[in-house]
Amino acid sequence: MATRTTSAPGGVDGVAILALLRNGDGGDDEMLLVTQFRPPVNRKTVELPAGLIDAGESAEQAALRELREETGYVGTIASCSPTLCMSPGLTDESVQLVVVEVDMAAAANQAPKQALEEGEFISVRRVRVASLAQELRRMEMEEGCLCFSGLHLLALGLSMSHAGR
């Protein structure tokens, strides 16, 4: 079993961020995705913005910091999950899913600029929530992206909820 050596106090390693873009105009809600090359899978992946929790940070603080660094957007916390396991058959890595609402009318979100660390190469995508499954499929087929499992499950759940209507 692989063990993280950078776990924060309390045992949670990192955060995954479901950033919901709120336009306030009654239009379709969007969400943020990130793509980046991941050496362990030797491919570009499509994921939710995410990152490690620094010493002295809460999951919520880490989520807001990572969202700003990786995407340039700022928002407010809507909810935070309990501790979630990532791949319990292989590693003890754990995260919390933090839902962040991003007010697209806010001045800070008009021209977002990433603040990436050296060696980070992250592309940001805005995707309509209602078409998440189709967009992930397109990215897999046309761009060769490998989808983060939790993101695929979110898309499946959204598709299943719309199929029952």
Foldseek 3Di string as FASTA:
>chain_A
DDEDPQAEPVRAFKEFEFEWEDAVPPDFIKTKWKWDQDVVVRFIAIGGQMDTAHYPGDRQRRRQVSCCQQPQFGFAWPDKADWDAQCVVPYRHIYIYTYTYTYCVDPSNVDGDHNYDPPDDMDMDIGGLLCQQVVVVCCCVVVVHDYRVVSNVSNVVSVVVVVVD
